[in-house]
Protein backbone atom coordinates (compact mmCIF):
# COMPACT_ATOMS: atom_id res chain seq x y z
CA LYS A 1 266.60 -196.53 91.39
CA ASN A 2 263.60 -197.89 93.35
CA THR A 3 264.89 -196.58 96.67
CA TRP A 4 266.26 -193.24 95.65
CA GLU A 5 264.56 -190.27 97.04
CA PRO A 6 265.48 -186.85 95.93
CA ARG A 7 267.01 -184.41 98.52
CA SER A 8 265.87 -180.79 98.76
CA THR A 9 267.16 -177.69 100.18
CA LYS A 10 265.09 -176.30 103.12
CA GLU A 11 264.48 -172.77 104.13
CA GLY A 12 267.27 -171.43 106.48
CA ALA A 13 269.84 -173.88 105.21
CA VAL A 14 273.48 -172.77 104.81
CA ALA A 15 275.05 -172.89 101.40
CA VAL A 16 278.74 -174.10 101.38
CA VAL A 17 281.08 -174.95 98.66
CA VAL A 18 283.09 -178.26 98.95
CA GLY A 19 286.35 -177.99 96.82
CA ILE A 20 287.89 -175.07 94.87
CA PRO A 21 286.68 -173.98 91.44
CA LYS A 22 289.48 -174.81 88.89
CA VAL A 23 289.66 -174.82 85.11
CA GLY A 24 291.91 -175.87 82.46
CA ASP A 25 295.56 -176.18 83.58
CA GLU A 26 294.55 -175.58 87.15
CA VAL A 27 292.85 -178.89 87.13
CA LEU A 28 295.83 -180.78 85.66
CA LEU A 29 298.28 -178.91 88.21
CA ASP A 30 296.01 -179.50 91.31
CA LYS A 31 298.88 -180.32 93.65
CA GLU A 32 296.89 -179.31 96.78
CA LYS A 33 294.24 -181.88 95.99
CA GLU A 34 291.47 -179.16 96.21
CA ILE A 35 289.08 -180.45 93.53
CA LEU A 36 285.95 -182.73 93.95
CA THR A 37 286.42 -186.26 92.72
CA ILE A 38 283.91 -188.98 92.14
CA PRO A 39 285.00 -190.95 95.39
CA ILE A 40 284.58 -187.76 97.55
CA LEU A 41 281.28 -187.15 95.98
CA LEU A 42 280.05 -190.60 96.65
CA GLU A 43 281.21 -190.22 100.29
CA LEU A 44 279.37 -186.92 100.60
CA VAL A 45 276.11 -188.44 99.21
CA LYS A 46 276.11 -190.95 102.28
CA LYS A 47 276.04 -188.18 104.81
CA PRO A 48 272.38 -187.88 105.89
CA TYR A 49 272.73 -184.40 107.24
CA LEU A 50 273.43 -182.98 103.79
CA GLN A 51 270.32 -181.69 102.25
CA GLU A 52 271.42 -181.22 98.72
CA ILE A 53 274.53 -181.47 96.55
CA LEU A 54 274.87 -179.70 93.28
CA PRO A 55 278.24 -180.01 91.33
CA VAL A 56 279.44 -176.72 89.82
CA GLY A 57 280.26 -176.53 86.16
CA SER A 58 281.26 -173.92 83.67
CA LYS A 59 278.54 -171.38 84.82
CA GLY A 60 280.19 -170.94 88.31
CA ILE A 61 279.25 -171.11 92.02
CA LEU A 62 276.78 -168.27 92.10
CA TYR A 63 274.68 -169.59 89.20
CA GLU A 64 274.39 -173.11 90.74
CA ALA A 65 273.55 -171.79 94.26
CA GLU A 66 270.82 -169.54 92.62
CA GLU A 67 269.58 -172.67 90.80
CA MET A 68 269.64 -174.70 93.89
CA GLY A 69 267.51 -172.09 95.56
CA SER A 70 265.13 -171.62 92.72
CA THR A 71 264.26 -175.33 92.36
CA ASN A 72 263.31 -175.39 96.11
CA ASN A 73 261.13 -172.10 95.75
CA LEU A 74 263.93 -170.31 97.77
CA LYS A 75 266.33 -167.38 97.20
CA PHE A 76 269.98 -167.78 97.55
CA ILE A 77 271.50 -164.97 99.66
CA PRO A 78 275.32 -164.58 99.34
CA ASN A 79 277.14 -163.65 102.45
CA GLY A 80 279.65 -161.49 100.54
CA LYS A 81 282.52 -162.88 102.64
CA SER A 82 283.58 -165.92 100.40
CA PRO A 83 287.17 -166.25 99.52
CA LEU A 84 286.02 -167.91 96.25
CA ASP A 85 285.36 -166.23 92.94
CA MET A 86 281.57 -166.90 92.70
CA LYS A 87 281.53 -166.45 88.99
CA LYS A 88 284.44 -168.44 88.13
CA SER A 89 284.01 -171.56 85.93
CA ALA A 90 284.53 -174.68 87.90
CA GLY A 91 285.34 -176.52 84.72
CA PRO A 92 284.50 -180.25 84.90
CA ALA A 93 282.74 -180.10 88.34
CA THR A 94 285.69 -179.37 90.33
CA CYS A 95 283.57 -178.15 93.25
CA ALA A 96 279.98 -178.54 94.56
CA VAL A 97 277.39 -176.35 96.31
CA VAL A 98 275.99 -178.18 99.37
CA SER A 99 272.99 -177.10 101.42
CA VAL A 100 273.23 -178.09 105.13
CA ASP A 101 271.83 -177.01 108.51
CA GLU A 102 274.34 -174.66 110.16
CA SER A 103 274.70 -177.04 113.10
CA TYR A 104 276.36 -179.58 110.74
CA ILE A 105 279.08 -177.42 109.04
CA GLU A 106 281.82 -178.39 111.47
CA GLU A 107 281.03 -182.00 111.07
CA LEU A 108 281.20 -181.63 107.27
CA LYS A 109 284.54 -180.01 107.64
CA GLY A 110 285.85 -182.90 109.76
CA HIS A 111 284.75 -185.46 107.36
CA CYS A 112 285.70 -183.84 104.16
CA PRO A 113 289.32 -183.84 102.79
CA LEU A 114 288.59 -180.78 100.65
CA PRO A 115 288.26 -177.06 101.63
CA VAL A 116 284.73 -176.17 102.85
CA ASN A 117 283.63 -172.45 102.44
CA ARG A 118 280.44 -170.92 103.53
CA ILE A 119 278.90 -168.78 100.89
CA GLY A 120 275.46 -167.78 102.04
CA GLU A 121 272.04 -169.26 102.93
CA PHE A 122 268.64 -169.96 101.58
CA SER A 123 265.46 -168.09 102.49
CA ASN A 124 261.98 -167.90 101.30
CA THR A 125 261.90 -164.11 101.51
């Protein structure tokens, strides 16, 4: 606790989702191993290039991305191209919104065993 420093999302950061939102039986039947687990989350926290990580719950990806922006005095701007349902419940935190500089997206994809989907960016306008 004494050395923990909160991370924050910076203007111009890209928003990505790590994992796939699932709920109910989808969680139990996750044969593709597409959901966020505690061990994967703990590995993500170690990545210094990740600005902020926010697990997604029942309110969905869009809500959490907007919250991430709001708490950093930024606006989340969806890219409109996400293959994910941005309003679907992610049940018991089956995925997370991550803010990252665009130059690190490929590195994140290479280090993460889950799907990584770009969903938008953060701006101060």
